[in-house]
Protein backbone atom coordinates (compact mmCIF):
# COMPACT_ATOMS: atom_id res chain seq x y z
CA MET A 1 13.77 -21.98 2.39
CA LYS A 2 12.24 -19.49 4.85
CA ALA A 3 11.03 -15.94 4.32
CA VAL A 4 9.82 -12.97 6.35
CA PHE A 5 7.73 -10.41 4.48
CA VAL A 6 7.48 -7.13 6.42
CA LEU A 7 4.71 -4.91 5.09
CA PHE A 8 4.31 -1.46 6.61
CA ASP A 9 1.45 0.83 5.57
CA SER A 10 1.99 4.39 4.29
CA LEU A 11 5.77 4.25 4.76
CA ASN A 12 7.11 7.20 2.76
CA ARG A 13 10.22 6.36 0.77
CA LEU A 14 11.81 9.70 1.63
CA ALA A 15 11.25 9.09 5.33
CA LEU A 16 14.09 6.55 5.06
CA GLU A 17 17.73 7.60 5.10
CA ALA A 18 18.52 4.82 2.62
CA TYR A 19 16.45 6.76 0.08
CA GLY A 20 17.91 10.14 0.91
CA GLY A 21 15.46 11.05 3.65
CA THR A 22 16.56 13.58 6.25
CA MET A 23 13.48 14.11 8.42
CA VAL A 24 14.02 10.97 10.54
CA ASP A 25 17.02 8.90 11.63
CA THR A 26 16.34 5.33 10.49
CA PRO A 27 19.43 3.32 11.49
CA ASN A 28 17.66 -0.05 11.39
CA PHE A 29 16.15 0.36 7.95
CA ASN A 30 19.74 1.30 6.99
CA ARG A 31 20.92 -2.04 8.39
CA LEU A 32 18.74 -3.93 5.95
CA ALA A 33 19.86 -1.71 3.07
CA GLU A 34 23.45 -2.67 3.90
CA ARG A 35 22.66 -6.41 3.83
CA GLY A 36 20.19 -6.55 0.97
CA VAL A 37 19.40 -4.91 -2.34
CA THR A 38 17.59 -1.57 -2.35
CA PHE A 39 15.22 -1.03 -5.26
CA ASP A 40 15.28 2.59 -6.38
CA ARG A 41 12.39 2.58 -8.87
CA HIS A 42 9.68 0.55 -7.17
CA TYR A 43 6.12 1.71 -7.74
CA VAL A 44 2.62 0.94 -6.55
CA GLY A 45 -0.02 -0.77 -8.68
CA SER A 46 -3.68 -0.64 -7.69
CA LEU A 47 -4.51 1.81 -4.93
CA PRO A 48 -5.10 2.18 -2.03
CA CYS A 49 -4.78 -0.40 0.79
CA MET A 50 -6.94 -3.40 -0.16
CA PRO A 51 -6.51 -3.09 -3.94
CA ALA A 52 -2.75 -3.01 -3.32
CA ARG A 53 -3.02 -6.22 -1.32
CA ARG A 54 -5.02 -7.90 -4.06
CA ASP A 55 -2.15 -7.04 -6.43
CA MET A 56 0.31 -8.53 -3.94
CA HIS A 57 -1.64 -11.77 -3.68
CA THR A 58 -2.43 -12.22 -7.36
CA GLY A 59 0.55 -10.71 -9.16
CA ARG A 60 -1.52 -8.51 -11.44
CA LEU A 61 -3.21 -5.11 -11.55
CA SER A 62 -6.90 -4.97 -10.68
CA PHE A 63 -7.82 -1.27 -10.75
CA THR A 64 -9.41 -1.29 -14.22
CA HIS A 65 -11.91 -3.99 -13.21
CA ARG A 66 -12.73 -3.48 -9.57
CA SER A 67 -12.60 -1.01 -6.72
CA TRP A 68 -11.68 -1.84 -3.11
CA GLY A 69 -13.04 -5.29 -2.33
CA PRO A 70 -12.46 -8.87 -1.20
CA LEU A 71 -10.33 -11.45 -2.93
CA GLU A 72 -12.40 -13.08 -5.64
CA PRO A 73 -13.08 -16.85 -5.76
CA PHE A 74 -10.98 -17.24 -8.91
CA ASP A 75 -8.02 -15.14 -7.70
CA ASN A 76 -4.62 -16.72 -7.30
CA SER A 77 -3.06 -16.04 -3.90
CA PHE A 78 0.63 -16.57 -3.24
CA ALA A 79 -0.18 -17.50 0.36
CA GLU A 80 -2.65 -20.17 -0.70
CA ILE A 81 -0.44 -21.53 -3.47
CA LEU A 82 2.47 -21.90 -1.05
CA LYS A 83 0.19 -23.42 1.59
CA ASN A 84 -1.10 -25.98 -0.87
CA GLN A 85 2.40 -27.08 -1.83
CA GLY A 86 3.51 -27.56 1.76
CA VAL A 87 5.04 -24.20 2.69
CA TYR A 88 3.59 -23.02 6.01
CA THR A 89 2.27 -19.46 5.73
CA HIS A 90 1.44 -17.31 8.74
CA LEU A 91 0.04 -13.77 8.84
CA VAL A 92 0.46 -11.34 11.71
CA THR A 93 -1.47 -8.14 11.15
CA ASP A 94 -3.19 -5.22 12.81
CA HIS A 95 -4.66 -4.13 9.46
CA PHE A 96 -8.28 -4.27 10.57
CA HIS A 97 -9.62 -3.60 7.06
CA TYR A 98 -9.17 -7.34 6.46
CA PHE A 99 -12.02 -7.84 8.90
CA GLU A 100 -14.45 -5.41 7.30
CA ASP A 101 -16.86 -6.38 4.52
CA GLY A 102 -14.49 -5.32 1.77
CA GLY A 103 -11.44 -7.19 3.08
CA ALA A 104 -12.77 -10.73 3.16
CA GLY A 105 -10.84 -13.71 1.90
CA TYR A 106 -7.28 -12.47 2.40
CA HIS A 107 -6.28 -13.69 5.85
CA THR A 108 -7.93 -17.09 5.32
CA LYS A 109 -5.45 -17.92 2.54
CA TYR A 110 -2.73 -18.49 5.15
CA ASN A 111 -2.28 -21.61 7.28
CA SER A 112 -2.73 -19.45 10.38
CA TRP A 113 -3.09 -15.82 11.30
CA ASP A 114 -3.04 -13.49 14.28
CA PHE A 115 -5.07 -10.28 14.36
CA ILE A 116 -3.77 -7.59 16.71
CA ARG A 117 -6.59 -5.22 17.64
CA GLY A 118 -6.84 -1.46 18.05
CA GLN A 119 -5.62 0.35 14.94
CA GLU A 120 -7.30 3.44 13.51
CA TYR A 121 -11.09 3.06 13.91
CA ASP A 122 -11.07 -0.67 14.69
CA PRO A 123 -14.31 -1.24 16.70
CA TRP A 124 -12.39 -2.92 19.50
CA LYS A 125 -12.92 -1.48 22.97
CA ALA A 126 -16.46 -0.90 24.20
CA MET A 127 -17.28 2.28 26.10
CA VAL A 128 -20.96 3.20 26.26
CA GLU A 129 -20.37 6.64 27.80
CA PRO A 130 -16.99 7.98 26.65
CA PRO A 131 -15.42 10.87 28.61
CA LEU A 132 -16.31 13.51 26.03
CA ASP A 133 -15.09 16.48 28.03
CA ARG A 134 -11.67 14.90 28.47
CA PHE A 135 -11.54 13.99 24.79
CA ARG A 136 -12.39 17.58 23.81
CA ASN A 137 -9.52 18.87 25.93
CA LYS A 138 -7.04 16.23 24.74
CA PHE A 139 -7.73 16.14 20.98
CA SER A 140 -7.92 18.96 18.46
CA ARG A 141 -11.37 19.35 16.92
CA LYS A 142 -9.65 19.86 13.56
CA HIS A 143 -8.91 16.12 13.53
CA TYR A 144 -11.27 14.78 16.19
CA ASP A 145 -14.87 15.84 16.57
CA PRO A 146 -16.56 13.60 19.18
CA GLU A 147 -20.05 14.63 18.08
CA HIS A 148 -19.64 14.23 14.31
CA ALA A 149 -16.82 11.70 13.74
CA PRO A 150 -17.95 8.37 15.21
CA ARG A 151 -15.12 6.42 13.57
CA ARG A 152 -12.53 8.68 15.11
CA MET A 153 -14.31 8.32 18.42
CA ARG A 154 -13.41 4.63 18.25
CA HIS A 155 -9.73 5.55 18.09
CA MET A 156 -10.05 7.84 21.10
CA VAL A 157 -11.74 5.04 23.05
CA ASN A 158 -9.12 2.49 21.98
CA LEU A 159 -6.32 4.77 23.16
CA GLU A 160 -8.14 5.42 26.43
CA LEU A 161 -8.13 1.71 27.22
CA ALA A 162 -4.98 0.54 25.38
CA GLY A 163 -2.48 0.83 28.21
CA ALA A 164 1.31 0.80 27.93
CA GLU A 165 3.46 0.94 24.77
CA GLU A 166 3.72 -2.82 24.43
CA GLN A 167 -0.06 -2.99 24.26
CA LEU A 168 -0.23 -0.73 21.22
CA PRO A 169 -1.01 -2.66 18.02
CA GLY A 170 2.30 -1.99 16.25
CA PRO A 171 4.46 -3.36 19.07
CA GLY A 172 1.88 -6.11 19.48
CA CYS A 173 2.47 -7.21 15.90
CA PHE A 174 6.20 -7.54 16.50
CA ALA A 175 5.60 -9.47 19.74
CA SER A 176 3.37 -11.92 17.85
CA ALA A 177 5.97 -12.27 15.10
CA PHE A 178 8.69 -13.03 17.64
CA GLU A 179 6.45 -15.72 19.13
CA PHE A 180 6.15 -17.34 15.69
CA LEU A 181 9.88 -17.03 15.03
CA GLU A 182 10.91 -18.39 18.41
CA THR A 183 8.67 -21.41 17.91
CA ASN A 184 9.61 -22.06 14.28
CA LYS A 185 13.11 -20.69 13.72
CA ASP A 186 14.59 -24.18 13.43
CA ALA A 187 11.86 -25.46 11.09
CA ASP A 188 12.02 -25.14 7.32
CA ASP A 189 9.63 -24.16 4.53
CA TRP A 190 7.65 -21.29 5.99
CA LEU A 191 6.74 -17.70 5.15
CA LEU A 192 5.83 -15.16 7.82
CA GLN A 193 4.01 -12.00 6.71
CA LEU A 194 4.47 -9.39 9.41
CA GLU A 195 2.07 -6.64 8.45
CA VAL A 196 2.10 -3.45 10.51
CA PHE A 197 -0.49 -0.73 9.93
CA ASP A 198 1.95 1.93 11.17
CA PRO A 199 2.95 4.53 10.10
CA HIS A 200 -0.55 4.92 8.63
CA GLU A 201 -2.58 7.68 10.22
CA PRO A 202 -3.50 8.37 12.98
CA PHE A 203 0.15 9.10 13.68
CA HIS A 204 0.19 7.99 17.30
CA ALA A 205 3.48 7.01 18.92
CA PRO A 206 4.72 7.07 22.53
CA GLU A 207 6.22 10.35 23.63
CA ARG A 208 9.75 8.90 23.74
CA PHE A 209 9.83 8.86 19.94
CA ARG A 210 9.31 12.62 19.71
CA ARG A 211 12.38 14.83 19.26
CA GLU A 212 12.89 18.29 20.71
CA GLY A 213 12.66 20.90 18.01
CA ASP A 214 10.41 18.91 15.67
CA SER A 215 7.44 21.04 16.70
CA THR A 216 6.53 23.87 19.06
CA TYR A 217 2.78 23.25 18.86
CA SER A 218 0.98 23.06 22.22
CA GLY A 219 -2.67 22.46 21.35
CA GLY A 220 -4.82 19.34 21.19
CA ILE A 221 -3.64 16.20 19.39
CA LEU A 222 -3.16 16.71 15.65
CA ASP A 223 -2.24 13.37 14.10
CA TRP A 224 -5.02 12.36 11.69
CA PRO A 225 -5.21 14.72 8.70
CA GLU A 226 -8.14 14.36 6.36
CA TYR A 227 -7.39 13.80 2.69
CA LYS A 228 -7.77 17.45 1.79
CA ARG A 229 -5.81 20.49 0.72
CA VAL A 230 -3.55 22.00 3.35
CA THR A 231 -5.29 24.81 5.22
CA ASP A 232 -3.28 24.47 8.43
CA SER A 233 -0.90 26.99 9.92
CA PRO A 234 2.85 26.33 9.54
CA GLU A 235 2.95 25.39 13.23
CA GLU A 236 0.15 22.84 12.75
CA VAL A 237 1.85 21.40 9.66
CA ARG A 238 5.07 20.90 11.63
CA GLU A 239 3.14 19.18 14.41
CA ILE A 240 1.45 16.70 12.06
CA ARG A 241 4.77 15.95 10.36
CA ALA A 242 6.44 15.58 13.76
CA ASN A 243 3.87 12.98 14.76
CA TYR A 244 4.48 11.06 11.53
CA ALA A 245 8.23 11.23 12.15
CA ALA A 246 7.78 9.87 15.67
CA LEU A 247 5.78 6.94 14.32
CA VAL A 248 8.46 6.17 11.71
CA ARG A 249 11.06 6.17 14.51
CA MET A 250 8.95 3.63 16.38
CA CYS A 251 8.69 1.47 13.26
CA ASP A 252 12.45 1.67 12.79
CA GLU A 253 13.20 0.68 16.38
CA TYR A 254 10.89 -2.32 16.35
CA PHE A 255 12.12 -3.38 12.93
CA GLY A 256 15.61 -3.25 14.46
CA ARG A 257 14.48 -5.78 17.05
CA LEU A 258 13.55 -8.10 14.19
CA LEU A 259 17.02 -7.67 12.72
CA ASP A 260 18.48 -8.39 16.17
CA PHE A 261 16.52 -11.67 16.17
CA PHE A 262 18.00 -12.52 12.77
CA ASP A 263 21.47 -11.78 14.16
CA ALA A 264 21.02 -13.76 17.38
CA ASN A 265 19.62 -16.82 15.61
CA ASP A 266 21.68 -16.65 12.41
CA LEU A 267 18.57 -16.53 10.27
CA TRP A 268 20.56 -14.70 7.60
CA LYS A 269 21.95 -18.04 6.41
CA ASP A 270 18.62 -19.47 5.25
CA THR A 271 15.88 -16.81 5.52
CA ALA A 272 14.89 -14.15 3.01
CA LEU A 273 13.68 -10.77 4.29
CA VAL A 274 11.52 -8.44 2.19
CA LEU A 275 10.51 -4.94 3.33
CA THR A 276 8.05 -2.68 1.53
CA THR A 277 4.79 -0.76 1.86
CA ASP A 278 1.50 -0.48 0.00
CA HIS A 279 1.74 3.25 -0.80
CA GLY A 280 3.09 6.50 0.56
CA PHE A 281 1.37 9.57 1.97
CA LEU A 282 1.45 13.28 1.23
CA LEU A 283 2.51 15.23 4.32
CA SER A 284 1.69 18.73 2.98
CA GLU A 285 3.79 18.32 -0.18
CA HIS A 286 1.98 19.77 -3.20
CA GLU A 287 -0.32 21.43 -0.63
CA TRP A 288 -2.12 18.14 0.07
CA TRP A 289 -2.62 15.70 2.91
CA GLY A 290 -3.22 12.04 2.17
CA LYS A 291 -3.44 9.98 -1.00
CA VAL A 292 -5.43 9.02 -4.14
CA ARG A 293 -7.81 12.02 -4.37
CA MET A 294 -5.06 14.16 -5.85
CA PRO A 295 -2.57 13.22 -8.62
CA TYR A 296 -0.47 10.18 -7.77
CA TYR A 297 2.62 12.18 -6.90
CA GLU A 298 5.91 10.43 -6.16
CA GLU A 299 5.33 10.73 -2.42
CA VAL A 300 2.38 8.33 -2.84
CA SER A 301 3.33 6.15 -5.81
CA HIS A 302 7.11 5.69 -5.56
CA VAL A 303 7.67 3.43 -2.58
CA PRO A 304 10.52 1.67 -0.76
CA LEU A 305 11.51 -1.94 -1.41
CA MET A 306 14.48 -3.76 0.12
CA VAL A 307 15.15 -7.46 -0.43
CA TYR A 308 17.65 -9.73 1.31
CA HIS A 309 18.10 -13.29 0.03
CA PRO A 310 20.64 -15.72 1.53
CA ASP A 311 21.66 -16.93 -1.94
CA PHE A 312 22.80 -13.46 -2.99
CA THR A 313 24.72 -12.14 0.00
CA GLU A 314 27.49 -10.91 -2.29
CA HIS A 315 25.14 -8.14 -3.42
CA GLY A 316 24.68 -6.70 0.07
CA GLY A 317 24.40 -2.92 -0.12
CA ALA A 318 23.68 -2.91 -3.86
CA ARG A 319 21.10 -0.67 -5.53
CA CYS A 320 18.77 -1.80 -8.31
CA SER A 321 17.35 0.87 -10.60
CA ALA A 322 15.17 -1.42 -12.71
CA VAL A 323 11.49 -0.41 -12.75
CA THR A 324 9.45 -2.72 -10.52
CA GLN A 325 6.06 -2.58 -8.87
CA THR A 326 3.74 -4.16 -6.31
CA PRO A 327 2.46 -7.11 -8.45
CA ASP A 328 6.08 -8.32 -8.72
CA LEU A 329 5.97 -9.46 -5.10
CA MET A 330 3.65 -12.43 -5.72
CA PRO A 331 5.82 -14.22 -8.30
CA THR A 332 8.89 -13.38 -6.21
CA PHE A 333 7.54 -15.34 -3.22
CA LEU A 334 6.57 -18.24 -5.45
CA ASP A 335 10.00 -18.18 -7.08
CA MET A 336 11.71 -18.25 -3.67
CA PHE A 337 10.04 -21.53 -2.84
CA GLY A 338 10.20 -23.09 -6.30
CA ALA A 339 6.45 -22.87 -6.90
CA ALA A 340 5.05 -22.60 -10.41
CA ILE A 341 3.83 -19.15 -11.37
CA PRO A 342 0.23 -19.23 -12.69
CA LYS A 343 -0.35 -18.07 -16.25
CA GLU A 344 -2.66 -15.29 -15.02
CA VAL A 345 0.24 -13.53 -13.27
CA ARG A 346 1.58 -10.38 -14.95
CA GLY A 347 4.24 -9.40 -12.40
CA SER A 348 7.85 -10.54 -12.70
CA SER A 349 9.96 -12.22 -10.04
CA LEU A 350 12.47 -9.88 -8.42
CA LEU A 351 14.99 -12.72 -8.04
CA ALA A 352 16.22 -12.03 -11.56
CA HIS A 353 17.42 -8.64 -10.32
CA LEU A 354 19.03 -10.19 -7.25
CA ARG A 355 20.94 -12.70 -9.38
CA ASP A 356 22.68 -9.95 -11.26
CA THR A 357 22.43 -6.41 -9.94
CA ALA A 358 25.18 -5.31 -12.32
CA GLY A 359 23.92 -3.39 -15.31
CA GLN A 360 20.52 -2.76 -13.76
CA GLU A 361 20.50 0.89 -14.69
CA ALA A 362 17.09 2.22 -15.65
CA ASP A 363 16.50 2.03 -19.38
CA PRO A 364 13.69 4.41 -20.42
CA GLY A 365 11.36 2.47 -22.63
CA LYS A 366 12.53 -0.98 -21.49
CA ARG A 367 9.75 -1.39 -18.93
CA ALA A 368 6.92 0.87 -17.95
CA VAL A 369 4.38 0.29 -15.21
CA ALA A 370 0.89 1.68 -14.74
CA PHE A 371 -0.89 2.46 -11.50
CA GLY A 372 -4.13 4.00 -10.35
CA VAL A 373 -7.40 3.91 -8.47
CA PHE A 374 -10.58 2.40 -9.87
CA GLY A 375 -12.68 5.20 -11.35
CA GLY A 376 -9.79 7.66 -11.35
CA PRO A 377 -6.83 8.64 -13.50
CA ILE A 378 -4.17 6.28 -14.82
CA ALA A 379 -0.48 7.00 -14.34
CA VAL A 380 2.36 5.39 -16.26
CA THR A 381 6.09 5.65 -15.66
CA ASP A 382 9.25 4.24 -17.18
CA GLY A 383 11.34 5.38 -14.22
CA ARG A 384 12.49 8.58 -15.93
CA HIS A 385 9.16 10.17 -16.82
CA VAL A 386 5.74 9.84 -15.25
CA MET A 387 2.50 10.78 -16.98
CA PHE A 388 -0.98 11.30 -15.49
CA HIS A 389 -3.91 10.61 -17.80
CA TYR A 390 -7.36 11.69 -16.65
CA PRO A 391 -10.69 10.46 -18.01
CA PRO A 392 -12.91 13.14 -19.56
CA ASP A 393 -15.27 12.96 -16.56
CA VAL A 394 -14.59 10.93 -13.42
CA ARG A 395 -18.29 11.26 -12.62
CA GLY A 396 -19.32 10.07 -16.06
CA SER A 397 -21.27 6.89 -16.80
CA GLY A 398 -20.05 3.86 -18.71
CA LEU A 399 -17.66 2.34 -16.18
CA HIS A 400 -18.46 -1.00 -14.54
CA GLU A 401 -17.37 -3.01 -11.52
CA TYR A 402 -16.67 -6.67 -12.33
CA THR A 403 -16.99 -8.91 -9.30
CA LEU A 404 -18.55 -11.92 -7.64
CA ASN A 405 -18.17 -10.26 -4.22
CA PRO A 406 -20.07 -6.94 -4.37
CA GLN A 407 -18.68 -5.32 -1.24
CA HIS A 408 -17.27 -1.86 -0.70
CA MET A 409 -14.79 -1.12 2.07
CA SER A 410 -17.15 -1.42 5.03
CA GLU A 411 -20.52 -2.29 3.54
CA ALA A 412 -22.19 -4.19 0.72
CA PHE A 413 -23.00 -2.54 -2.59
CA ALA A 414 -26.16 -0.49 -2.22
CA LEU A 415 -29.37 -1.90 -3.63
CA ARG A 416 -29.43 0.80 -6.31
CA GLU A 417 -26.04 -0.49 -7.49
CA LEU A 418 -27.11 -4.13 -7.38
CA GLU A 419 -30.21 -3.29 -9.41
CA THR A 420 -27.91 -2.60 -12.37
CA ALA A 421 -26.17 -5.98 -12.12
CA GLU A 422 -26.13 -8.34 -15.05
CA LEU A 423 -24.03 -11.33 -16.02
CA GLY A 424 -20.97 -10.01 -17.78
CA PRO A 425 -18.05 -11.64 -19.56
CA SER A 426 -15.16 -13.66 -18.24
CA PHE A 427 -11.62 -12.28 -18.42
CA ASP A 428 -8.25 -13.90 -18.90
CA PHE A 429 -7.75 -14.08 -15.12
CA THR A 430 -11.18 -15.45 -14.11
CA LYS A 431 -10.50 -19.04 -15.30
CA GLY A 432 -13.56 -19.13 -17.50
CA ILE A 433 -15.90 -17.73 -14.85
CA ARG A 434 -18.26 -14.96 -15.92
CA LEU A 435 -18.65 -12.05 -13.51
CA LEU A 436 -21.37 -9.70 -12.41
CA ARG A 437 -21.15 -6.41 -14.29
CA ILE A 438 -22.43 -3.62 -12.07
CA ASP A 439 -22.70 0.04 -13.01
CA ALA A 440 -20.03 2.11 -11.27
CA LEU A 441 -22.44 4.79 -10.12
CA SER A 442 -20.93 8.23 -9.72
CA ASP A 443 -22.18 8.54 -6.14
CA ALA A 444 -21.33 5.01 -5.01
CA ASN A 445 -19.68 4.74 -1.61
CA ARG A 446 -16.33 3.57 -2.94
CA VAL A 447 -12.83 4.81 -2.17
CA PRO A 448 -12.04 7.67 -2.55
CA GLN A 449 -15.54 8.93 -3.37
CA HIS A 450 -17.11 8.34 0.02
CA ASP A 451 -18.02 11.27 2.27
CA ASP A 452 -18.83 13.47 -0.77
CA GLN A 453 -15.23 13.44 -1.93
CA THR A 454 -13.87 12.83 -5.40
CA PHE A 455 -10.70 13.31 -7.42
CA GLN A 456 -9.26 16.80 -7.77
CA ASP A 457 -6.54 18.61 -9.76
CA GLN A 458 -7.65 16.67 -12.81
CA TRP A 459 -5.44 17.64 -15.70
CA PHE A 460 -2.93 15.89 -17.92
CA ALA A 461 0.62 16.13 -16.60
CA LEU A 462 4.03 14.85 -17.65
CA TYR A 463 7.08 15.13 -15.40
CA ASP A 464 10.77 14.50 -15.95
CA LEU A 465 11.74 12.86 -12.66
CA GLU A 466 15.44 13.25 -13.33
CA SER A 467 15.43 17.04 -13.66
CA ASP A 468 12.31 17.63 -11.53
CA PRO A 469 12.07 14.95 -8.81
CA ARG A 470 9.66 17.10 -6.75
CA GLN A 471 7.26 17.32 -9.70
CA GLU A 472 7.00 21.09 -9.61
CA CYS A 473 7.33 21.83 -13.34
CA PRO A 474 5.22 19.73 -15.74
CA ILE A 475 6.50 19.55 -19.29
CA ARG A 476 5.22 18.68 -22.77
CA ASP A 477 7.22 16.30 -24.98
CA ALA A 478 5.39 14.71 -27.89
CA GLU A 479 7.88 11.86 -28.30
CA VAL A 480 7.83 10.89 -24.63
CA GLU A 481 4.04 11.19 -24.45
CA ALA A 482 3.58 8.98 -27.51
CA ARG A 483 5.88 6.34 -26.05
CA LEU A 484 4.18 6.36 -22.66
CA TYR A 485 0.71 6.20 -24.22
CA SER A 486 1.85 3.24 -26.31
CA GLN A 487 3.13 1.51 -23.19
CA MET A 488 -0.07 2.35 -21.31
CA HIS A 489 -2.15 0.74 -24.06
CA ALA A 490 0.07 -2.35 -23.97
CA ILE A 491 -0.38 -2.66 -20.21
CA LEU A 492 -4.15 -2.20 -20.40
CA ALA A 493 -4.35 -4.88 -23.07
CA ASP A 494 -2.10 -7.21 -21.08
CA ILE A 495 -4.41 -7.07 -18.05
CA ASP A 496 -7.50 -7.61 -20.24
CA THR A 497 -9.10 -4.26 -19.46
CA PRO A 498 -12.88 -4.17 -20.13
CA ARG A 499 -13.54 -2.79 -23.59
CA GLU A 500 -15.97 -0.13 -22.44
CA ALA A 501 -13.42 1.17 -19.94
CA TYR A 502 -11.27 2.51 -22.78
CA GLY A 503 -14.05 4.87 -23.81
CA TRP A 504 -14.62 5.93 -20.22
CA TYR A 505 -10.90 6.73 -19.91
CA GLY A 506 -11.03 8.65 -23.19
CA LEU A 507 -8.69 6.15 -24.86
CA GLU A 508 -9.03 4.39 -28.18
CA CYS A 509 -10.29 0.84 -27.79
CA PRO A 510 -8.09 -1.79 -29.43
CA ALA A 511 -9.52 -3.60 -32.44
């Protein structure tokens, strides 16, 4: 058995024609939809980037215990489990957050890995005296302020020295993947994870991926919106969306080259191919840019998933409407290679859906999934309805981080946080190991509360996704709310949520 796992970042479901998208032509994503099974109700789990990847590795939700952080010593990792049973695992990535303090321990679970430099604010190229005047003329100060945005300065420097298209990190990832495939296409028992940071912001793509008519804007570069309410002019909104569309076109073209490699080398006969993303991105919908600070609207939480497996070619072009989510990926990869699924896993293998796509219509109440950000609201959906539950006070005390690796995204926990640390309990996923329990301080530098930000639009909401897919008209329905709350409680119990967290969320603690 062989498998290629393609993980894009911030790939909006409705940017793909296979999901009804009209803003971009995506012929190559369509090619996979025609060969594989397209999952129509696939949702995120823990948010954003690194928490999502922890879910992918471990097969369970983590957002009620821990914010953005490294893999923990007790965590199961599908890559490590496969490696230990003789399946060669290789990671190609330009996701530089793996190489910050809060991303440790992920890439080392693979047999080998290749890091492609230069994405976002990766501190890659060194330029002691950047050409500030040229930068001011080239980039809009709305998104790039050379004097007050040092991280974005890194991106400007990286672009200044990056060179031609093939030297951009996205194309570089595909080139590295082709090197692995060319070397190993005739071998057996391997999994390649091709992880491309695009189309995550900044939305930079070569000019050839722009389309006439997408935008008439003529000012400085606008491709890196902050996670804030939309205050831009209609012309500026179109420009930002046009840059995202161009980047999706680039992703589609390079993904097509991967499909061409499958065609040329007949990998379809013995190689699975899985395509998904970690989360979506709001591109001015609901008057917001970004993710996680605002309610977890469908544009962020409802994400694409396409799966091709050589044992189920008869289902090519099928749609699956069962409710699935990010933690299901881990047991799926183990199932593909016949590996035992650890008892700590809470996700379910997707192969069951591939074996029989018939009758996979969504059944409200059959399965619900929960998703959220540590220290923020919880959402739950059964595929028909989605409900947002907010804690009484997201700045309130009583919430704790449980960890043995006290690191935030790009720095260690502050001393004032560590001063609150005490030895806490073990949980059903820590294999008997007790963890540090650290106060989740309201002003801690954790996502998304860094840079004086916090959650907004905090009110209960229930949406009927069938009659209101754009989530414009919240409803009240006592029967649906009771069912979803019951399912939320069951999920929280199943992932062994800390007891004090129930009170912080404003929920009744189980006996």
